[in-house]
Protein backbone atom coordinates (compact mmCIF):
# COMPACT_ATOMS: atom_id res chain seq x y z
CA MET A 1 -31.95 -9.43 -28.91
CA ARG A 2 -30.19 -11.26 -26.12
CA PRO A 3 -32.30 -12.97 -23.55
CA ASP A 4 -32.12 -11.82 -19.92
CA VAL A 5 -29.80 -13.70 -17.73
CA THR A 6 -30.69 -13.98 -14.14
CA HIS A 7 -28.13 -13.63 -11.40
CA GLN A 8 -28.39 -17.40 -10.72
CA GLN A 9 -27.52 -18.33 -14.29
CA ALA A 10 -24.49 -16.15 -14.64
CA PRO A 11 -21.23 -17.42 -14.05
CA ARG A 12 -19.75 -16.20 -10.94
CA GLN A 13 -16.35 -14.22 -11.37
CA ARG A 14 -13.85 -13.84 -8.73
CA LEU A 15 -12.64 -10.35 -8.77
CA LEU A 16 -9.14 -9.92 -7.46
CA HIS A 17 -7.68 -6.75 -6.30
CA ARG A 18 -3.80 -6.75 -6.17
CA THR A 19 -2.20 -5.15 -3.07
CA ASP A 20 -0.63 -1.63 -3.71
CA TRP A 21 2.43 -2.28 -1.51
CA MET A 22 3.65 1.37 -2.17
CA ALA A 23 0.33 2.86 -0.60
CA LEU A 24 0.23 0.38 2.03
CA LEU A 25 3.64 0.85 3.32
CA SER A 26 3.56 4.68 2.82
CA GLY A 27 0.38 5.00 4.85
CA LEU A 28 1.70 2.66 7.61
CA LEU A 29 4.92 4.80 7.73
CA PHE A 30 2.98 8.06 8.07
CA VAL A 31 0.86 6.73 10.74
CA VAL A 32 3.83 5.32 12.80
CA VAL A 33 5.63 8.74 12.11
CA GLY A 34 2.57 10.82 13.20
CA ILE A 35 2.18 8.58 16.32
CA LEU A 36 5.88 9.16 17.33
CA LEU A 37 5.75 12.79 16.69
CA VAL A 38 2.48 13.40 18.66
CA THR A 39 3.64 11.26 21.75
CA GLY A 40 7.02 13.31 21.68
CA VAL A 41 9.39 10.45 21.05
CA ILE A 42 10.95 11.99 18.12
CA ASP A 43 11.46 15.73 18.45
CA ASP A 44 14.49 16.22 16.01
CA PHE A 45 13.28 17.42 12.66
CA VAL A 46 16.52 16.02 10.96
CA LEU A 47 15.88 12.48 12.39
CA LEU A 48 12.15 12.75 11.61
CA LEU A 49 12.89 13.93 7.96
CA SER A 50 15.60 11.09 7.41
CA LEU A 51 13.10 8.45 8.92
CA LEU A 52 10.51 9.52 6.45
CA ILE A 53 12.72 9.72 3.35
CA GLY A 54 14.12 6.27 4.16
CA GLY A 55 10.97 4.77 4.77
CA LEU A 56 9.44 6.12 1.55
CA GLY A 57 12.56 4.71 -0.12
CA LEU A 58 12.11 1.36 1.21
CA ALA A 59 8.42 1.27 0.37
CA GLY A 60 9.46 2.00 -3.19
CA VAL A 61 11.88 -0.77 -3.33
CA VAL A 62 9.47 -3.25 -1.85
CA ALA A 63 6.76 -2.19 -4.44
CA ILE A 64 9.19 -2.39 -7.37
CA VAL A 65 10.21 -5.86 -6.20
CA ALA A 66 6.61 -7.14 -5.76
CA ARG A 67 5.84 -5.74 -9.21
CA SER A 68 8.83 -7.52 -10.80
CA ILE A 69 7.92 -10.91 -9.02
CA ARG A 70 4.09 -10.59 -10.05
CA ARG A 71 5.08 -10.20 -13.73
CA SER A 72 7.29 -13.34 -13.76
């Protein structure tokens, strides 16, 4: 049997959580679009949809670039 290891004796591990850029940028995009929609700054549906699709595409490109940089 393994002897009990107290918390003080155990080596401290540093747990890192990598940033999920796609989720972060998509969340920011939806918050900004929501604010613009509620305040009435954007009332054109075509402009709103193109902004949303373009923003999600940009977030996807940033996520792909960040992942490729992280792997190398």
